[in-house]
Amino acid sequence: MTPWHRARAMALGLRVRLLLAFALLGVTTTAVVASGSYFQARTVILQQAQDAAVASLTDQLSKVYPVASLPPTQEELDVLAQSLSDREVDTVVRYGELWSQRADAADIVTPELRQEVAGGRVAWQRVERYGTPVLLIGTQLRFERSDGTSVPSGVEVYSVRSLVTEQQSVDRLAGLAWVTGGLSLILAVLLALLAAQGVLRPVRELGRAARRLGEGDLSTRLTVRGVDELADVARTFNDTAGTLEHQVGELRRMEADARRFVADVSHELRTPLAAMTAVTDVLDEEADRLPGDAGQAARLVSQETQNLTQLVNDLIEVSRFDSGTARLALDDVDVAAAINATLRLRRWADRVQTDLPSGVIARLDPRRLDVIVANLVGNAFRHGTEPVSVRLRAEADWITIEVADQGPGLDPEVLPHVFDRFYKADTARTRSEGSGLGLAIAWENARLHRHAGQSGSLVAGNTPDCGAVFTLRLPRVAAETVDAGGVR
């Protein structure tokens, strides 16, 4: 995932979390407030209805209070129930097992309520009647004795009053609570979106700036707004980017100086090396005739001069790669013939096993192909064990050349560094010779050959028999204009 996509995912995650947090806060607050208000208002409404009903029943009973004689007759119970009933209140009267004839409400009188009323108390209960809520109030009339005192008469009066009006008021309160909750949720979401926009805008800007910085635009800076934590992050990013720009600039300057130094020194060495090479040619001719140590010294000087010349040439070649001046000189090449010529020129033809199908033509740089094959085969002789083999395979658009030996192979810790400059795997091979630039130059030469947007490649590995194998893959028709390889 790219830095931009990571920043995008983070921004989406923050937006969702902010929305959920605000929505949860709004819903919770609304639920608590609305529920508290609802239950409080419901209690007040029902309590007022209950108090009013009890007061109304008590007032009506005062008109018939106290009972003149006991036990009352059926007619007296019916008259009493009739006088206490109206369109809104349905009343039944009971004495023992005797009920008033208007007793259609008697079936909802619960045993609990009758027990309370039998004890001489005024009791009430909210129950369901025909699917509607009603308030059931029960009390007992008093009987006045001859001495002027009054006692419970045993005449129980039960008044049934509908609570439909009150229930409608409660339902309106509930609906209002739901509407309030919905509006609060919408408001919370809008506030969350505004807050998310304010918070995520700097985050998105930071993500875009980090992406540009990662792409190499070291001049990227953020606009600092405010004095909050996000502003601190922006300032820290700007400070970091500034420090990074300065350090990278210094590194690039030092790198350019180092490359220029290597190139200058290499070119300056070519003139004295040319003179030394001429001298060593003379020494080579006379070495066999020189006595003992003198002959050995002459051969040593000649060999080291050749090594120094090769090192200088390699450094010049590397400087061309680094400066971007390395270019291909393309020509139609018979690949098998070119490889055989490389082996014959270096007197390796009798020591190398080849599998080179004829007729494989590719448009390549023949000099660079010679350098690559010579480095790979020479490396196999120096660090591996014979026999060394070279194998050529052709595809429609690419050719593959494998160079393998029968040595101990490459250690897994060495493989990632095989093509690094000046790297010598002394512990992984039987010997360690050369400058350490040969494989690096071969790798760069392979990359110079491109086709259809793909570079040539050189890969190191091991054969199933544990020998080292280098696989070179080049296009059959390389591009004319090629970007130079750079420092890896």
Protein backbone atom coordinates (compact mmCIF):
# COMPACT_ATOMS: atom_id res chain seq x y z
CA MET A 1 0.00 0.00 0.00
CA THR A 2 1.39 3.42 -0.99
CA PRO A 3 1.72 6.26 1.56
CA TRP A 4 -1.20 8.06 -0.14
CA HIS A 5 -3.45 5.00 0.16
CA ARG A 6 -2.40 4.53 3.78
CA ALA A 7 -3.23 8.16 4.52
CA ARG A 8 -6.54 7.76 2.66
CA ALA A 9 -7.45 4.67 4.68
CA MET A 10 -6.49 6.45 7.90
CA ALA A 11 -8.64 9.46 6.96
CA LEU A 12 -11.63 7.24 6.22
CA GLY A 13 -11.11 5.46 9.51
CA LEU A 14 -10.99 8.73 11.44
CA ARG A 15 -14.14 10.00 9.70
CA VAL A 16 -16.05 6.86 10.56
CA ARG A 17 -14.85 6.93 14.16
CA LEU A 18 -15.80 10.59 14.56
CA LEU A 19 -19.24 9.97 13.08
CA LEU A 20 -19.80 7.01 15.36
CA ALA A 21 -18.56 8.90 18.42
CA PHE A 22 -20.76 11.94 17.79
CA ALA A 23 -23.74 9.78 16.85
CA LEU A 24 -23.32 7.64 19.95
CA LEU A 25 -22.97 10.72 22.14
CA GLY A 26 -26.02 12.36 20.59
CA VAL A 27 -28.16 9.24 20.81
CA THR A 28 -27.06 8.50 24.38
CA THR A 29 -27.68 12.05 25.56
CA THR A 30 -31.03 12.23 23.80
CA ALA A 31 -32.04 8.82 25.12
CA VAL A 32 -31.17 9.75 28.69
CA VAL A 33 -32.83 13.18 28.59
CA ALA A 34 -35.86 12.09 26.59
CA SER A 35 -36.35 8.95 28.66
CA GLY A 36 -36.07 10.88 31.91
CA SER A 37 -38.45 13.54 30.68
CA TYR A 38 -40.83 10.93 29.31
CA PHE A 39 -41.04 8.89 32.49
CA GLN A 40 -41.30 11.98 34.66
CA ALA A 41 -44.07 13.47 32.53
CA ARG A 42 -45.83 10.11 32.34
CA THR A 43 -45.74 9.78 36.11
CA VAL A 44 -47.05 13.34 36.55
CA ILE A 45 -49.87 12.82 34.04
CA LEU A 46 -50.98 9.53 35.57
CA GLN A 47 -50.59 10.85 39.10
CA GLN A 48 -52.72 13.89 38.30
CA ALA A 49 -55.37 11.70 36.69
CA GLN A 50 -55.27 9.37 39.66
CA ASP A 51 -55.50 12.18 42.21
CA ALA A 52 -58.33 13.82 40.32
CA ALA A 53 -60.24 10.53 40.11
CA VAL A 54 -59.75 9.81 43.81
CA ALA A 55 -60.83 13.34 44.72
CA SER A 56 -63.88 13.08 42.47
CA LEU A 57 -64.88 9.72 43.96
CA THR A 58 -64.36 10.97 47.51
CA ASP A 59 -66.49 14.04 46.78
CA GLN A 60 -69.25 11.91 45.36
CA LEU A 61 -69.14 9.52 48.29
CA SER A 62 -69.49 12.40 50.72
CA LYS A 63 -72.97 13.00 49.38
CA VAL A 64 -74.08 9.51 50.41
CA TYR A 65 -71.91 9.22 53.49
CA PRO A 66 -72.45 7.66 55.94
CA VAL A 67 -74.59 4.54 55.33
CA ALA A 68 -77.80 4.77 57.22
CA SER A 69 -78.51 1.06 57.78
CA LEU A 70 -76.86 -2.29 57.29
CA PRO A 71 -77.03 -4.62 55.52
CA PRO A 72 -78.01 -2.69 52.37
CA THR A 73 -80.56 -4.11 50.02
CA GLN A 74 -80.01 -4.86 46.35
CA GLU A 75 -82.02 -1.81 45.45
CA GLU A 76 -79.85 0.39 47.68
CA LEU A 77 -76.68 -0.97 46.02
CA ASP A 78 -78.13 -0.35 42.56
CA VAL A 79 -79.16 3.21 43.42
CA LEU A 80 -75.76 3.93 44.92
CA ALA A 81 -73.93 2.57 41.85
CA GLN A 82 -76.25 4.56 39.57
CA SER A 83 -75.64 7.79 41.45
CA LEU A 84 -71.86 7.36 41.30
CA SER A 85 -71.69 6.52 37.57
CA ASP A 86 -71.62 8.82 34.55
CA ARG A 87 -70.32 8.75 30.96
CA GLU A 88 -66.67 8.73 32.04
CA VAL A 89 -66.90 6.72 35.24
CA ASP A 90 -68.31 3.24 35.63
CA THR A 91 -69.04 2.31 39.28
CA VAL A 92 -69.98 -0.97 40.94
CA VAL A 93 -70.90 -1.52 44.58
CA ARG A 94 -70.39 -4.68 46.57
CA TYR A 95 -71.44 -5.88 49.97
CA GLY A 96 -70.34 -9.38 50.86
CA GLU A 97 -71.47 -11.56 47.96
CA LEU A 98 -74.02 -9.01 46.80
CA TRP A 99 -73.13 -6.85 43.80
CA SER A 100 -75.01 -3.98 42.26
CA GLN A 101 -76.79 -4.92 39.07
CA ARG A 102 -74.54 -2.56 37.11
CA ALA A 103 -71.66 -4.98 37.62
CA ASP A 104 -70.13 -5.22 34.16
CA ALA A 105 -66.92 -3.75 35.64
CA ALA A 106 -66.77 -6.22 38.48
CA ASP A 107 -64.67 -8.69 36.47
CA ILE A 108 -61.61 -6.42 36.51
CA VAL A 109 -61.60 -5.96 40.29
CA THR A 110 -58.47 -7.83 41.34
CA PRO A 111 -58.12 -9.79 44.59
CA GLU A 112 -55.23 -7.56 45.63
CA LEU A 113 -57.38 -4.44 45.29
CA ARG A 114 -60.27 -6.06 47.18
CA GLN A 115 -57.90 -7.00 49.99
CA GLU A 116 -56.70 -3.39 50.30
CA VAL A 117 -60.24 -2.04 50.24
CA ALA A 118 -61.40 -4.62 52.82
CA GLY A 119 -58.83 -3.20 55.20
CA GLY A 120 -60.58 0.17 55.10
CA ARG A 121 -58.06 1.94 52.83
CA VAL A 122 -58.52 3.84 49.60
CA ALA A 123 -56.67 1.85 46.92
CA TRP A 124 -56.17 2.20 43.17
CA GLN A 125 -54.74 0.16 40.39
CA ARG A 126 -54.07 0.68 36.65
CA VAL A 127 -55.31 -2.25 34.60
CA GLU A 128 -56.36 -3.10 31.04
CA ARG A 129 -60.03 -3.28 30.12
CA TYR A 130 -61.03 -4.30 26.62
CA GLY A 131 -57.54 -3.39 25.46
CA THR A 132 -57.61 0.14 26.87
CA PRO A 133 -55.97 1.39 30.07
CA VAL A 134 -58.27 2.23 32.98
CA LEU A 135 -57.83 3.43 36.53
CA LEU A 136 -59.58 1.24 39.10
CA ILE A 137 -60.23 2.97 42.46
CA GLY A 138 -61.70 1.16 45.45
CA THR A 139 -62.85 2.38 48.86
CA GLN A 140 -65.28 1.43 51.59
CA LEU A 141 -68.22 3.48 52.88
CA ARG A 142 -68.35 4.21 56.61
CA PHE A 143 -71.31 3.33 58.92
CA GLU A 144 -72.30 5.73 61.67
CA ARG A 145 -73.17 4.08 64.93
CA SER A 146 -75.60 5.37 67.55
CA ASP A 147 -72.78 6.77 69.68
CA GLY A 148 -71.72 9.07 66.79
CA THR A 149 -68.62 7.12 65.78
CA SER A 150 -68.16 5.70 62.30
CA VAL A 151 -66.73 2.36 61.33
CA PRO A 152 -66.18 0.60 57.99
CA SER A 153 -69.54 -0.50 56.71
CA GLY A 154 -68.37 -3.33 54.45
CA VAL A 155 -69.94 -1.57 51.45
CA GLU A 156 -67.20 -1.48 48.84
CA VAL A 157 -67.30 1.00 46.00
CA TYR A 158 -65.17 0.41 42.86
CA SER A 159 -64.88 3.18 40.33
CA VAL A 160 -63.50 2.47 36.84
CA ARG A 161 -62.22 5.50 34.93
CA SER A 162 -60.74 5.39 31.40
CA LEU A 163 -57.14 6.55 30.94
CA VAL A 164 -57.35 6.82 27.15
CA THR A 165 -56.89 10.59 27.20
CA GLU A 166 -53.90 10.29 29.48
CA GLN A 167 -52.49 7.43 27.37
CA GLN A 168 -52.80 9.60 24.27
CA SER A 169 -50.86 12.33 26.04
CA VAL A 170 -48.19 9.81 27.03
CA ASP A 171 -48.04 8.52 23.45
CA ARG A 172 -47.57 12.07 22.19
CA LEU A 173 -44.71 12.46 24.65
CA ALA A 174 -43.17 9.21 23.39
CA GLY A 175 -43.50 10.34 19.77
CA LEU A 176 -41.95 13.67 20.65
CA ALA A 177 -39.08 11.83 22.34
CA TRP A 178 -38.48 9.75 19.18
CA VAL A 179 -38.60 12.85 16.99
CA THR A 180 -36.20 14.61 19.33
CA GLY A 181 -33.89 11.61 19.23
CA GLY A 182 -33.95 11.52 15.43
CA LEU A 183 -33.27 15.24 15.16
CA SER A 184 -30.48 14.94 17.70
CA LEU A 185 -28.94 12.08 15.70
CA ILE A 186 -29.07 14.16 12.51
CA LEU A 187 -27.55 17.12 14.34
CA ALA A 188 -24.83 14.88 15.80
CA VAL A 189 -23.99 13.52 12.33
CA LEU A 190 -23.80 17.05 10.91
CA LEU A 191 -21.56 18.17 13.76
CA ALA A 192 -19.43 15.05 13.27
CA LEU A 193 -19.06 15.83 9.56
CA LEU A 194 -18.02 19.39 10.34
CA ALA A 195 -15.57 18.20 12.99
CA ALA A 196 -14.24 15.48 10.67
CA GLN A 197 -13.76 18.01 7.90
CA GLY A 198 -11.76 20.24 10.22
CA VAL A 199 -9.68 17.37 11.57
CA LEU A 200 -9.20 15.37 8.38
CA ARG A 201 -8.25 18.26 6.10
CA PRO A 202 -4.84 18.59 7.77
CA VAL A 203 -4.52 14.81 7.76
CA ARG A 204 -5.17 14.64 4.02
CA GLU A 205 -2.74 17.49 3.43
CA LEU A 206 -0.17 15.63 5.51
CA GLY A 207 -0.78 12.47 3.46
CA ARG A 208 -0.32 14.32 0.17
CA ALA A 209 2.79 16.07 1.45
CA ALA A 210 4.25 12.77 2.69
CA ARG A 211 3.56 11.21 -0.73
CA ARG A 212 5.34 14.08 -2.53
CA LEU A 213 8.22 13.85 -0.09
CA GLY A 214 8.45 10.11 -0.68
CA GLU A 215 8.52 10.72 -4.44
CA GLY A 216 11.58 12.92 -4.02
CA ASP A 217 10.11 16.43 -3.78
CA LEU A 218 12.14 17.53 -0.77
CA SER A 219 10.84 21.11 -1.01
CA THR A 220 7.40 19.96 0.16
CA ARG A 221 6.07 21.95 3.12
CA LEU A 222 2.75 22.18 4.96
CA THR A 223 0.82 25.35 5.78
CA VAL A 224 0.66 25.72 9.57
CA ARG A 225 -2.77 26.79 10.82
CA GLY A 226 -3.56 27.55 14.43
CA VAL A 227 -1.76 26.41 17.56
CA ASP A 228 -3.34 23.02 18.21
CA GLU A 229 -1.82 19.53 18.03
CA LEU A 230 -2.32 19.30 14.26
CA ALA A 231 -0.40 22.55 13.85
CA ASP A 232 2.41 21.01 15.93
CA VAL A 233 2.41 18.00 13.60
CA ALA A 234 2.64 20.31 10.56
CA ARG A 235 5.53 22.24 12.10
CA THR A 236 7.31 18.99 12.97
CA PHE A 237 6.80 17.74 9.40
CA ASN A 238 8.22 20.98 7.98
CA ASP A 239 11.23 20.83 10.29
CA THR A 240 11.84 17.19 9.38
CA ALA A 241 11.47 17.88 5.65
CA GLY A 242 13.87 20.82 5.92
CA THR A 243 16.45 18.74 7.75
CA LEU A 244 16.03 15.91 5.26
CA GLU A 245 16.40 18.29 2.31
CA HIS A 246 19.60 19.70 3.76
CA GLN A 247 21.08 16.28 4.54
CA VAL A 248 20.14 14.81 1.17
CA GLY A 249 21.60 17.85 -0.54
CA GLU A 250 24.84 17.35 1.34
CA LEU A 251 24.88 13.65 0.48
CA ARG A 252 24.26 14.38 -3.18
CA ARG A 253 27.01 16.98 -3.19
CA MET A 254 29.43 14.58 -1.51
CA GLU A 255 28.42 11.80 -3.88
CA ALA A 256 28.92 14.03 -6.90
CA ASP A 257 32.32 15.08 -5.55
CA ALA A 258 33.28 11.45 -4.99
CA ARG A 259 32.22 10.46 -8.50
CA ARG A 260 34.06 13.39 -10.01
CA PHE A 261 37.14 12.51 -7.96
CA VAL A 262 37.07 8.88 -9.11
CA ALA A 263 36.55 9.90 -12.72
CA ASP A 264 39.31 12.51 -12.60
CA VAL A 265 41.78 10.21 -10.90
CA SER A 266 40.99 7.38 -13.31
CA HIS A 267 41.52 9.59 -16.32
CA GLU A 268 44.71 11.05 -14.87
CA LEU A 269 46.07 7.55 -14.28
CA ARG A 270 45.60 6.47 -17.88
CA THR A 271 48.65 8.39 -19.14
CA PRO A 272 51.20 7.03 -16.64
CA LEU A 273 49.61 3.58 -16.95
CA ALA A 274 50.12 3.70 -20.71
CA ALA A 275 53.81 4.35 -20.14
CA MET A 276 54.00 1.63 -17.50
CA THR A 277 52.27 -0.82 -19.84
CA ALA A 278 54.86 -0.11 -22.53
CA VAL A 279 57.64 -0.78 -20.03
CA THR A 280 56.03 -4.01 -18.81
CA ASP A 281 55.73 -5.23 -22.40
CA VAL A 282 59.52 -4.95 -22.62
CA LEU A 283 59.90 -6.65 -19.23
CA ASP A 284 57.67 -9.51 -20.37
CA GLU A 285 59.95 -10.16 -23.31
CA GLU A 286 63.06 -10.13 -21.13
CA ALA A 287 61.62 -11.87 -18.04
CA ASP A 288 62.56 -15.37 -19.15
CA ARG A 289 66.17 -14.30 -19.68
CA LEU A 290 66.51 -12.44 -16.39
CA PRO A 291 68.13 -14.38 -13.54
CA GLY A 292 66.09 -15.71 -10.57
CA ASP A 293 64.51 -12.98 -8.48
CA ALA A 294 64.87 -10.35 -11.22
CA GLY A 295 62.74 -12.40 -13.64
CA GLN A 296 60.12 -13.09 -10.95
CA ALA A 297 60.01 -9.39 -10.04
CA ALA A 298 59.58 -8.41 -13.70
CA ARG A 299 56.65 -10.81 -14.11
CA LEU A 300 55.07 -9.54 -10.85
CA VAL A 301 55.37 -5.90 -11.97
CA SER A 302 53.83 -6.80 -15.32
CA GLN A 303 50.90 -8.62 -13.70
CA GLU A 304 50.16 -5.87 -11.18
CA THR A 305 50.35 -3.26 -13.91
CA GLN A 306 47.74 -5.20 -15.87
CA ASN A 307 45.58 -5.44 -12.76
CA LEU A 308 45.89 -1.69 -12.14
CA THR A 309 45.04 -0.96 -15.76
CA GLN A 310 41.94 -3.15 -15.48
CA LEU A 311 40.93 -1.43 -12.24
CA VAL A 312 41.28 2.04 -13.80
CA ASN A 313 39.24 0.95 -16.82
CA ASP A 314 36.56 -0.47 -14.51
CA LEU A 315 36.43 2.75 -12.50
CA ILE A 316 36.04 4.79 -15.67
CA GLU A 317 33.22 2.51 -16.79
CA VAL A 318 31.52 2.85 -13.39
CA SER A 319 31.82 6.64 -13.55
CA ARG A 320 30.02 6.55 -16.90
CA PHE A 321 27.14 4.59 -15.34
CA ASP A 322 26.90 7.01 -12.42
CA SER A 323 27.05 10.13 -14.56
CA GLY A 324 24.42 8.83 -17.02
CA THR A 325 26.73 8.93 -20.05
CA ALA A 326 26.80 5.17 -20.70
CA ARG A 327 25.09 4.40 -24.00
CA LEU A 328 24.58 1.35 -26.18
CA ALA A 329 26.24 0.85 -29.53
CA LEU A 330 23.73 -1.57 -31.00
CA ASP A 331 24.42 -4.04 -33.78
CA ASP A 332 22.90 -7.26 -35.06
CA VAL A 333 24.85 -9.99 -33.25
CA ASP A 334 25.03 -13.75 -33.72
CA VAL A 335 24.92 -14.48 -30.00
CA ALA A 336 26.51 -17.95 -30.19
CA ALA A 337 29.35 -16.66 -32.37
CA ALA A 338 29.90 -13.68 -30.05
CA ILE A 339 30.15 -15.94 -26.98
CA ASN A 340 32.56 -18.29 -28.75
CA ALA A 341 34.68 -15.30 -29.74
CA THR A 342 34.82 -14.14 -26.13
CA LEU A 343 35.97 -17.59 -24.98
CA ARG A 344 38.61 -17.91 -27.74
CA LEU A 345 39.99 -14.42 -27.12
CA ARG A 346 40.65 -15.30 -23.49
CA ARG A 347 41.81 -18.89 -24.29
CA TRP A 348 38.92 -20.46 -22.42
CA ALA A 349 37.33 -22.30 -25.34
CA ASP A 350 38.85 -25.69 -24.39
CA ARG A 351 37.95 -25.33 -20.72
CA VAL A 352 34.26 -24.35 -21.08
CA GLN A 353 31.37 -26.67 -21.90
CA THR A 354 28.98 -24.85 -24.23
CA ASP A 355 25.39 -25.33 -25.36
CA LEU A 356 25.03 -22.57 -27.93
CA PRO A 357 22.35 -23.04 -30.60
CA SER A 358 23.33 -21.33 -33.85
CA GLY A 359 21.22 -18.80 -35.67
CA VAL A 360 20.18 -16.78 -32.60
CA ILE A 361 20.39 -13.17 -33.79
CA ALA A 362 19.85 -10.27 -31.37
CA ARG A 363 20.31 -6.54 -31.67
CA LEU A 364 22.70 -5.84 -28.79
CA ASP A 365 25.83 -3.97 -27.88
CA PRO A 366 28.50 -6.58 -28.73
CA ARG A 367 31.18 -4.95 -26.54
CA ARG A 368 28.97 -4.99 -23.47
CA LEU A 369 27.90 -8.59 -24.17
CA ASP A 370 31.61 -9.52 -24.32
CA VAL A 371 32.24 -7.76 -20.98
CA ILE A 372 29.33 -9.52 -19.30
CA VAL A 373 30.23 -13.03 -20.52
CA ALA A 374 33.94 -12.52 -19.80
CA ASN A 375 33.20 -11.37 -16.24
CA LEU A 376 30.82 -14.28 -15.56
CA VAL A 377 33.10 -16.98 -16.99
CA GLY A 378 36.22 -15.47 -15.37
CA ASN A 379 34.39 -15.29 -12.05
CA ALA A 380 33.43 -18.97 -12.39
CA PHE A 381 37.08 -19.95 -13.01
CA ARG A 382 38.39 -17.82 -10.14
CA HIS A 383 35.86 -18.76 -7.49
CA GLY A 384 34.29 -22.01 -8.66
CA THR A 385 35.39 -25.42 -9.79
CA GLU A 386 35.57 -26.71 -13.34
CA PRO A 387 33.89 -27.71 -15.52
CA VAL A 388 32.34 -24.31 -16.29
CA SER A 389 29.37 -24.36 -18.66
CA VAL A 390 27.70 -21.70 -20.83
CA ARG A 391 24.18 -22.31 -22.09
CA LEU A 392 22.12 -20.18 -24.51
CA ARG A 393 18.33 -20.24 -24.83
CA ALA A 394 16.21 -18.04 -27.12
CA GLU A 395 12.60 -16.89 -26.84
CA ALA A 396 10.51 -14.68 -29.08
CA ASP A 397 11.66 -11.40 -27.53
CA TRP A 398 14.41 -12.39 -25.08
CA ILE A 399 17.54 -14.50 -24.89
CA THR A 400 18.86 -16.21 -21.77
CA ILE A 401 22.51 -17.08 -21.10
CA GLU A 402 23.43 -19.25 -18.11
CA VAL A 403 26.98 -19.53 -16.78
CA ALA A 404 27.42 -22.28 -14.15
CA ASP A 405 30.28 -23.96 -12.32
CA GLN A 406 30.64 -27.01 -10.09
CA GLY A 407 32.06 -25.21 -7.07
CA PRO A 408 30.63 -24.91 -3.53
CA GLY A 409 28.01 -22.40 -4.69
CA LEU A 410 27.02 -19.08 -3.20
CA ASP A 411 26.20 -18.75 0.49
CA PRO A 412 22.64 -17.41 1.10
CA GLU A 413 24.13 -14.47 2.99
CA VAL A 414 26.28 -13.60 -0.03
CA LEU A 415 23.54 -13.71 -2.69
CA PRO A 416 22.01 -10.26 -1.91
CA HIS A 417 25.47 -8.62 -2.23
CA VAL A 418 26.96 -10.43 -5.24
CA PHE A 419 26.49 -7.44 -7.54
CA ASP A 420 27.53 -4.79 -5.01
CA ARG A 421 30.60 -2.82 -5.90
CA PHE A 422 33.89 -3.90 -4.31
CA TYR A 423 32.13 -6.80 -2.58
CA LYS A 424 34.31 -9.88 -2.08
CA ALA A 425 32.82 -13.03 -0.64
CA ASP A 426 36.10 -14.37 0.72
CA THR A 427 34.47 -16.85 3.08
CA ALA A 428 32.11 -18.22 0.45
CA ARG A 429 34.67 -19.06 -2.24
CA THR A 430 37.94 -20.89 -2.47
CA ARG A 431 39.76 -17.71 -3.54
CA SER A 432 39.16 -13.97 -3.72
CA GLU A 433 40.72 -12.11 -6.66
CA GLY A 434 39.95 -9.03 -8.74
CA SER A 435 38.75 -5.57 -7.81
CA GLY A 436 35.19 -6.50 -6.88
CA LEU A 437 33.77 -4.41 -9.77
CA GLY A 438 33.40 -7.06 -12.47
CA LEU A 439 29.98 -8.40 -11.48
CA ALA A 440 28.72 -4.88 -10.69
CA ILE A 441 29.72 -3.73 -14.19
CA ALA A 442 28.13 -6.84 -15.73
CA TRP A 443 24.89 -6.09 -13.86
CA GLU A 444 24.87 -2.47 -15.05
CA ASN A 445 25.55 -3.54 -18.65
CA ALA A 446 22.64 -5.98 -18.50
CA ARG A 447 20.31 -3.21 -17.25
CA LEU A 448 21.32 -0.92 -20.09
CA HIS A 449 19.57 -3.24 -22.56
CA ARG A 450 15.85 -2.49 -22.48
CA HIS A 451 12.82 -3.58 -24.44
CA ALA A 452 9.17 -2.60 -24.08
CA GLY A 453 9.85 -0.82 -20.82
CA GLN A 454 11.69 -3.78 -19.26
CA SER A 455 15.39 -3.88 -18.46
CA GLY A 456 17.72 -6.75 -19.02
CA SER A 457 18.65 -8.64 -15.86
CA LEU A 458 21.46 -10.59 -14.29
CA VAL A 459 20.58 -12.93 -11.42
CA ALA A 460 22.82 -15.04 -9.20
CA GLY A 461 21.82 -18.36 -7.71
CA ASN A 462 22.84 -21.98 -7.13
CA THR A 463 22.24 -25.10 -9.22
CA PRO A 464 20.67 -28.24 -7.70
CA ASP A 465 24.23 -29.65 -7.61
CA CYS A 466 25.28 -26.72 -5.37
CA GLY A 467 27.34 -24.95 -8.02
CA ALA A 468 26.89 -21.23 -8.65
CA VAL A 469 24.82 -20.17 -11.67
CA PHE A 470 24.44 -16.69 -13.16
CA THR A 471 21.46 -16.11 -15.45
CA LEU A 472 21.68 -13.26 -17.96
CA ARG A 473 18.47 -12.18 -19.70
CA LEU A 474 18.68 -9.70 -22.59
CA PRO A 475 16.15 -8.46 -25.15
CA ARG A 476 16.53 -9.66 -28.71
CA VAL A 477 15.93 -6.10 -29.89
CA ALA A 478 17.26 -3.56 -27.41
CA ALA A 479 16.06 0.04 -27.36
CA GLU A 480 18.22 2.64 -29.06
CA THR A 481 17.98 5.19 -26.23
CA VAL A 482 18.58 3.88 -22.75
CA ASP A 483 18.74 5.53 -19.37
CA ALA A 484 21.98 4.76 -17.59
CA GLY A 485 22.02 2.68 -14.47
CA GLY A 486 22.70 4.49 -11.24
CA VAL A 487 24.02 3.81 -7.82
CA ARG A 488 22.21 0.95 -6.13
